[in-house]
């Protein structure tokens, strides 16, 4: 999280580079540099950056694993339904109805997630 105290103009950074680098290393907190009052650059110490990247890569790997597990469950359910004859065939005439049903289910799920 970026602390509001760690937002400085680029010109201040240029004048006091050594002091800012020491601050970044000591606090392990990133520094936001502004140009014309607009945030332009974030500076962070290397070890904090590496830790952030490690955590991001780990999180991405976990998400991929969860997606794969969900896909495998869905495929297994589909295979089971096919084997048990619990399926319905659709043709060009009935497909729009199926798509509408899927959209409505999706909307209902979104609405349920938005209600606290």
N, C-alpha and C. Protein backbone atom coordinates (compact mmCIF):
# COMPACT_ATOMS: atom_id res chain seq x y z
N UNK A 1 0.84 -1.18 0.00
CA UNK A 1 0.00 0.00 0.00
C UNK A 1 0.88 1.24 0.00
N UNK A 2 0.50 2.21 -0.75
CA UNK A 2 1.29 3.44 -0.85
C UNK A 2 0.80 4.44 0.18
N UNK A 3 1.72 4.90 0.99
CA UNK A 3 1.45 5.89 2.02
C UNK A 3 1.44 7.27 1.36
N UNK A 4 0.50 8.11 1.72
CA UNK A 4 0.43 9.45 1.14
C UNK A 4 1.69 10.27 1.42
N UNK A 5 2.40 9.93 2.49
CA UNK A 5 3.65 10.62 2.81
C UNK A 5 4.77 10.24 1.84
N UNK A 6 4.56 9.21 1.06
CA UNK A 6 5.58 8.73 0.13
C UNK A 6 5.31 9.19 -1.30
N UNK A 7 4.62 10.30 -1.44
CA UNK A 7 4.36 10.88 -2.76
C UNK A 7 5.12 12.20 -2.83
N UNK A 8 6.02 12.29 -3.80
CA UNK A 8 6.89 13.46 -3.91
C UNK A 8 7.08 13.87 -5.36
N UNK A 9 7.35 15.15 -5.59
CA UNK A 9 7.66 15.60 -6.95
C UNK A 9 8.99 15.02 -7.42
N UNK A 10 9.07 14.75 -8.69
CA UNK A 10 10.29 14.22 -9.28
C UNK A 10 11.47 15.16 -9.02
N UNK A 11 11.23 16.45 -9.05
CA UNK A 11 12.32 17.42 -8.82
C UNK A 11 12.90 17.27 -7.42
N UNK A 12 12.04 17.00 -6.41
CA UNK A 12 12.55 16.76 -5.05
C UNK A 12 13.43 15.52 -5.01
N UNK A 13 12.98 14.49 -5.72
CA UNK A 13 13.76 13.25 -5.77
C UNK A 13 15.12 13.50 -6.40
N UNK A 14 15.14 14.23 -7.49
CA UNK A 14 16.41 14.52 -8.18
C UNK A 14 17.38 15.25 -7.26
N UNK A 15 16.85 16.17 -6.44
CA UNK A 15 17.70 16.96 -5.54
C UNK A 15 18.21 16.15 -4.35
N UNK A 16 17.45 15.13 -3.95
CA UNK A 16 17.78 14.38 -2.73
C UNK A 16 17.76 12.87 -2.96
N UNK A 17 18.35 12.43 -4.03
CA UNK A 17 18.31 11.01 -4.41
C UNK A 17 18.78 10.12 -3.27
N UNK A 18 19.93 10.41 -2.72
CA UNK A 18 20.52 9.55 -1.67
C UNK A 18 19.58 9.42 -0.48
N UNK A 19 18.99 10.54 -0.04
CA UNK A 19 18.08 10.53 1.11
C UNK A 19 16.84 9.68 0.81
N UNK A 20 16.28 9.84 -0.38
CA UNK A 20 15.09 9.06 -0.74
C UNK A 20 15.39 7.57 -0.84
N UNK A 21 16.54 7.23 -1.40
CA UNK A 21 16.92 5.81 -1.51
C UNK A 21 17.08 5.20 -0.13
N UNK A 22 17.70 5.92 0.78
CA UNK A 22 17.83 5.43 2.16
C UNK A 22 16.46 5.22 2.79
N UNK A 23 15.54 6.16 2.56
CA UNK A 23 14.18 6.06 3.09
C UNK A 23 13.48 4.82 2.54
N UNK A 24 13.60 4.60 1.24
CA UNK A 24 12.96 3.45 0.60
C UNK A 24 13.50 2.15 1.17
N UNK A 25 14.81 2.07 1.33
CA UNK A 25 15.43 0.85 1.88
C UNK A 25 15.01 0.62 3.33
N UNK A 26 14.95 1.70 4.11
CA UNK A 26 14.61 1.57 5.53
C UNK A 26 13.15 1.18 5.74
N UNK A 27 12.26 1.79 4.97
CA UNK A 27 10.82 1.56 5.18
C UNK A 27 10.28 0.39 4.37
N UNK A 28 11.01 -0.01 3.33
CA UNK A 28 10.53 -1.06 2.40
C UNK A 28 9.22 -0.65 1.74
N UNK A 29 8.97 0.63 1.71
CA UNK A 29 7.73 1.17 1.16
C UNK A 29 8.04 1.90 -0.15
N UNK A 30 7.22 1.70 -1.17
CA UNK A 30 7.49 2.35 -2.46
C UNK A 30 7.31 3.87 -2.37
N UNK A 31 7.93 4.54 -3.29
CA UNK A 31 7.88 5.99 -3.39
C UNK A 31 7.23 6.36 -4.72
N UNK A 32 6.24 7.22 -4.68
CA UNK A 32 5.57 7.67 -5.89
C UNK A 32 6.12 9.04 -6.25
N UNK A 33 6.56 9.19 -7.49
CA UNK A 33 7.08 10.47 -7.97
C UNK A 33 6.08 11.07 -8.93
N UNK A 34 5.87 12.38 -8.76
CA UNK A 34 4.90 13.07 -9.58
C UNK A 34 5.59 14.03 -10.55
N UNK A 35 4.92 14.25 -11.66
CA UNK A 35 5.34 15.26 -12.64
C UNK A 35 4.12 16.13 -12.88
N UNK A 36 4.27 17.42 -12.63
CA UNK A 36 3.14 18.35 -12.75
C UNK A 36 1.95 17.91 -11.92
N UNK A 37 2.22 17.38 -10.73
CA UNK A 37 1.16 16.97 -9.81
C UNK A 37 0.49 15.65 -10.12
N UNK A 38 0.96 14.96 -11.13
CA UNK A 38 0.35 13.69 -11.55
C UNK A 38 1.33 12.55 -11.29
N UNK A 39 0.86 11.48 -10.66
CA UNK A 39 1.72 10.32 -10.39
C UNK A 39 2.24 9.75 -11.70
N UNK A 40 3.56 9.60 -11.79
CA UNK A 40 4.18 9.12 -13.03
C UNK A 40 5.05 7.89 -12.82
N UNK A 41 5.74 7.81 -11.68
CA UNK A 41 6.72 6.74 -11.48
C UNK A 41 6.61 6.22 -10.05
N UNK A 42 6.81 4.91 -9.89
CA UNK A 42 6.90 4.30 -8.57
C UNK A 42 8.29 3.70 -8.45
N UNK A 43 8.95 4.03 -7.34
CA UNK A 43 10.30 3.50 -7.08
C UNK A 43 10.20 2.60 -5.85
N UNK A 44 10.85 1.44 -5.95
CA UNK A 44 10.77 0.46 -4.88
C UNK A 44 12.12 -0.23 -4.74
N UNK A 45 12.46 -0.65 -3.51
CA UNK A 45 13.73 -1.35 -3.36
C UNK A 45 13.64 -2.74 -4.00
N UNK A 46 14.77 -3.25 -4.41
CA UNK A 46 14.82 -4.49 -5.20
C UNK A 46 14.26 -5.69 -4.45
N UNK A 47 14.58 -5.82 -3.16
CA UNK A 47 14.10 -7.00 -2.42
C UNK A 47 12.58 -6.98 -2.26
N UNK A 48 12.00 -5.81 -2.02
CA UNK A 48 10.54 -5.71 -1.91
C UNK A 48 9.89 -6.01 -3.26
N UNK A 49 10.51 -5.54 -4.32
CA UNK A 49 9.99 -5.80 -5.66
C UNK A 49 10.02 -7.30 -5.96
N UNK A 50 11.13 -7.96 -5.63
CA UNK A 50 11.24 -9.40 -5.87
C UNK A 50 10.19 -10.17 -5.06
N UNK A 51 9.97 -9.76 -3.81
CA UNK A 51 8.96 -10.42 -2.98
C UNK A 51 7.57 -10.22 -3.58
N UNK A 52 7.28 -9.01 -4.04
CA UNK A 52 6.00 -8.74 -4.67
C UNK A 52 5.82 -9.61 -5.92
N UNK A 53 6.85 -9.73 -6.73
CA UNK A 53 6.77 -10.56 -7.93
C UNK A 53 6.59 -12.03 -7.58
N UNK A 54 7.29 -12.50 -6.55
CA UNK A 54 7.15 -13.90 -6.11
C UNK A 54 5.71 -14.17 -5.68
N UNK A 55 5.14 -13.24 -4.91
CA UNK A 55 3.77 -13.42 -4.44
C UNK A 55 2.78 -13.37 -5.60
N UNK A 56 3.01 -12.49 -6.55
CA UNK A 56 2.14 -12.40 -7.72
C UNK A 56 2.19 -13.69 -8.54
N UNK A 57 3.39 -14.19 -8.78
CA UNK A 57 3.53 -15.44 -9.55
C UNK A 57 2.88 -16.61 -8.82
N UNK A 58 3.03 -16.65 -7.50
CA UNK A 58 2.42 -17.70 -6.70
C UNK A 58 0.89 -17.61 -6.78
N UNK A 59 0.37 -16.39 -6.69
CA UNK A 59 -1.08 -16.19 -6.78
C UNK A 59 -1.61 -16.60 -8.15
N UNK A 60 -0.88 -16.23 -9.20
CA UNK A 60 -1.29 -16.61 -10.55
C UNK A 60 -1.30 -18.12 -10.72
N UNK A 61 -0.30 -18.79 -10.15
CA UNK A 61 -0.24 -20.24 -10.23
C UNK A 61 -1.42 -20.87 -9.49
N UNK A 62 -1.78 -20.32 -8.34
CA UNK A 62 -2.92 -20.82 -7.58
C UNK A 62 -4.22 -20.64 -8.35
N UNK A 63 -4.38 -19.48 -8.98
CA UNK A 63 -5.58 -19.22 -9.77
C UNK A 63 -5.67 -20.21 -10.93
N UNK A 64 -4.56 -20.45 -11.60
CA UNK A 64 -4.55 -21.42 -12.71
C UNK A 64 -4.92 -22.81 -12.22
N UNK A 65 -4.39 -23.18 -11.06
CA UNK A 65 -4.69 -24.49 -10.48
C UNK A 65 -6.18 -24.61 -10.18
N UNK A 66 -6.75 -23.56 -9.57
CA UNK A 66 -8.17 -23.57 -9.25
C UNK A 66 -9.04 -23.63 -10.50
N UNK A 67 -8.64 -22.90 -11.53
CA UNK A 67 -9.38 -22.93 -12.80
C UNK A 67 -9.35 -24.32 -13.41
N UNK A 68 -8.18 -24.94 -13.38
CA UNK A 68 -8.05 -26.29 -13.94
C UNK A 68 -8.90 -27.28 -13.16
N UNK A 69 -8.88 -27.17 -11.83
CA UNK A 69 -9.70 -28.07 -11.01
C UNK A 69 -11.19 -27.89 -11.31
N UNK A 70 -11.62 -26.63 -11.45
CA UNK A 70 -13.03 -26.36 -11.76
C UNK A 70 -13.40 -26.92 -13.13
N UNK A 71 -12.51 -26.75 -14.10
CA UNK A 71 -12.75 -27.27 -15.44
C UNK A 71 -12.84 -28.80 -15.41
N UNK A 72 -11.95 -29.43 -14.66
CA UNK A 72 -11.97 -30.89 -14.56
C UNK A 72 -13.27 -31.38 -13.92
N UNK A 73 -13.74 -30.65 -12.88
CA UNK A 73 -15.02 -31.02 -12.25
C UNK A 73 -16.17 -30.86 -13.23
N UNK A 74 -16.17 -29.77 -13.99
CA UNK A 74 -17.23 -29.55 -14.97
C UNK A 74 -17.23 -30.62 -16.05
N UNK A 75 -16.06 -30.99 -16.52
CA UNK A 75 -15.96 -32.03 -17.55
C UNK A 75 -16.44 -33.37 -16.98
N UNK A 76 -16.01 -33.69 -15.76
CA UNK A 76 -16.44 -34.95 -15.14
C UNK A 76 -17.96 -34.98 -14.97
N UNK A 77 -18.54 -33.85 -14.57
CA UNK A 77 -19.99 -33.77 -14.43
C UNK A 77 -20.67 -33.97 -15.79
N UNK A 78 -20.12 -33.33 -16.81
CA UNK A 78 -20.68 -33.48 -18.16
C UNK A 78 -20.62 -34.92 -18.64
N UNK A 79 -19.49 -35.57 -18.41
CA UNK A 79 -19.34 -36.98 -18.81
C UNK A 79 -20.35 -37.85 -18.06
N UNK A 80 -20.48 -37.59 -16.76
CA UNK A 80 -21.43 -38.36 -15.95
C UNK A 80 -22.86 -38.16 -16.46
N UNK A 81 -23.22 -36.92 -16.77
CA UNK A 81 -24.56 -36.65 -17.27
C UNK A 81 -24.80 -37.33 -18.62
N UNK A 82 -23.78 -37.34 -19.47
CA UNK A 82 -23.91 -38.04 -20.75
C UNK A 82 -24.10 -39.53 -20.54
N UNK A 83 -23.32 -40.10 -19.65
CA UNK A 83 -23.41 -41.54 -19.40
C UNK A 83 -24.75 -41.93 -18.79
N UNK A 84 -25.34 -41.03 -18.00
CA UNK A 84 -26.62 -41.33 -17.34
C UNK A 84 -27.82 -40.86 -18.17
N UNK A 85 -27.56 -40.32 -19.35
CA UNK A 85 -28.64 -39.87 -20.20
C UNK A 85 -29.31 -38.59 -19.72
N UNK A 86 -28.64 -37.86 -18.86
CA UNK A 86 -29.20 -36.61 -18.31
C UNK A 86 -28.70 -35.43 -19.13
N UNK A 87 -29.15 -35.37 -20.36
CA UNK A 87 -28.76 -34.25 -21.22
C UNK A 87 -29.89 -33.97 -22.18
N UNK A 88 -29.82 -32.82 -22.79
CA UNK A 88 -30.83 -32.43 -23.75
C UNK A 88 -30.10 -31.98 -25.01
N UNK A 89 -30.57 -32.44 -26.14
CA UNK A 89 -29.96 -32.03 -27.40
C UNK A 89 -30.62 -30.76 -27.89
N UNK A 90 -29.81 -29.90 -28.47
CA UNK A 90 -30.31 -28.63 -29.00
C UNK A 90 -30.03 -28.56 -30.48
N UNK A 91 -30.93 -27.89 -31.19
CA UNK A 91 -30.73 -27.67 -32.62
C UNK A 91 -30.80 -26.18 -32.89
N UNK A 92 -30.78 -25.79 -34.14
CA UNK A 92 -30.77 -24.37 -34.50
C UNK A 92 -32.00 -23.63 -33.96
N UNK A 93 -33.12 -24.32 -33.84
CA UNK A 93 -34.33 -23.67 -33.36
C UNK A 93 -34.34 -23.51 -31.85
N UNK A 94 -33.82 -24.47 -31.11
CA UNK A 94 -33.88 -24.42 -29.65
C UNK A 94 -32.65 -23.76 -29.02
N UNK A 95 -31.60 -23.56 -29.79
CA UNK A 95 -30.37 -22.98 -29.24
C UNK A 95 -30.57 -21.56 -28.71
N UNK A 96 -31.30 -20.66 -29.38
CA UNK A 96 -31.51 -19.32 -28.81
C UNK A 96 -32.16 -19.36 -27.42
N UNK A 97 -33.07 -20.30 -27.21
CA UNK A 97 -33.71 -20.44 -25.91
C UNK A 97 -32.68 -20.84 -24.85
N UNK A 98 -31.78 -21.74 -25.19
CA UNK A 98 -30.73 -22.16 -24.26
C UNK A 98 -29.83 -20.97 -23.92
N UNK A 99 -29.45 -20.22 -24.92
CA UNK A 99 -28.58 -19.07 -24.68
C UNK A 99 -29.25 -18.04 -23.78
N UNK A 100 -30.55 -17.83 -23.98
CA UNK A 100 -31.30 -16.90 -23.14
C UNK A 100 -31.34 -17.40 -21.70
N UNK A 101 -31.53 -18.67 -21.51
CA UNK A 101 -31.55 -19.26 -20.17
C UNK A 101 -30.20 -19.07 -19.48
N UNK A 102 -29.12 -19.29 -20.21
CA UNK A 102 -27.78 -19.12 -19.66
C UNK A 102 -27.55 -17.67 -19.24
N UNK A 103 -27.97 -16.73 -20.09
CA UNK A 103 -27.82 -15.30 -19.76
C UNK A 103 -28.59 -14.95 -18.49
N UNK A 104 -29.81 -15.46 -18.38
CA UNK A 104 -30.64 -15.16 -17.21
C UNK A 104 -30.02 -15.73 -15.94
N UNK A 105 -29.49 -16.94 -16.01
CA UNK A 105 -28.81 -17.53 -14.84
C UNK A 105 -27.60 -16.69 -14.45
N UNK A 106 -26.84 -16.26 -15.43
CA UNK A 106 -25.67 -15.43 -15.16
C UNK A 106 -26.05 -14.13 -14.49
N UNK A 107 -27.10 -13.49 -14.98
CA UNK A 107 -27.57 -12.24 -14.37
C UNK A 107 -28.01 -12.45 -12.93
N UNK A 108 -28.75 -13.55 -12.69
CA UNK A 108 -29.20 -13.84 -11.33
C UNK A 108 -28.01 -14.06 -10.39
N UNK A 109 -27.00 -14.78 -10.85
CA UNK A 109 -25.81 -15.00 -10.02
C UNK A 109 -25.09 -13.70 -9.73
N UNK A 110 -24.98 -12.84 -10.73
CA UNK A 110 -24.34 -11.53 -10.51
C UNK A 110 -25.14 -10.72 -9.51
N UNK A 111 -26.47 -10.73 -9.64
CA UNK A 111 -27.31 -9.97 -8.72
C UNK A 111 -27.16 -10.50 -7.29
N UNK A 112 -27.05 -11.81 -7.14
CA UNK A 112 -26.89 -12.41 -5.81
C UNK A 112 -25.55 -12.01 -5.19
N UNK A 113 -24.51 -11.91 -5.99
CA UNK A 113 -23.19 -11.53 -5.48
C UNK A 113 -23.14 -10.07 -5.06
N UNK A 114 -23.95 -9.24 -5.69
CA UNK A 114 -23.93 -7.81 -5.40
C UNK A 114 -24.76 -7.45 -4.17
N UNK A 115 -25.64 -8.32 -3.76
CA UNK A 115 -26.47 -8.08 -2.58
C UNK A 115 -25.67 -8.48 -1.35
N UNK A 116 -25.47 -7.53 -0.39
CA UNK A 116 -24.67 -7.86 0.81
C UNK A 116 -25.36 -8.80 1.73
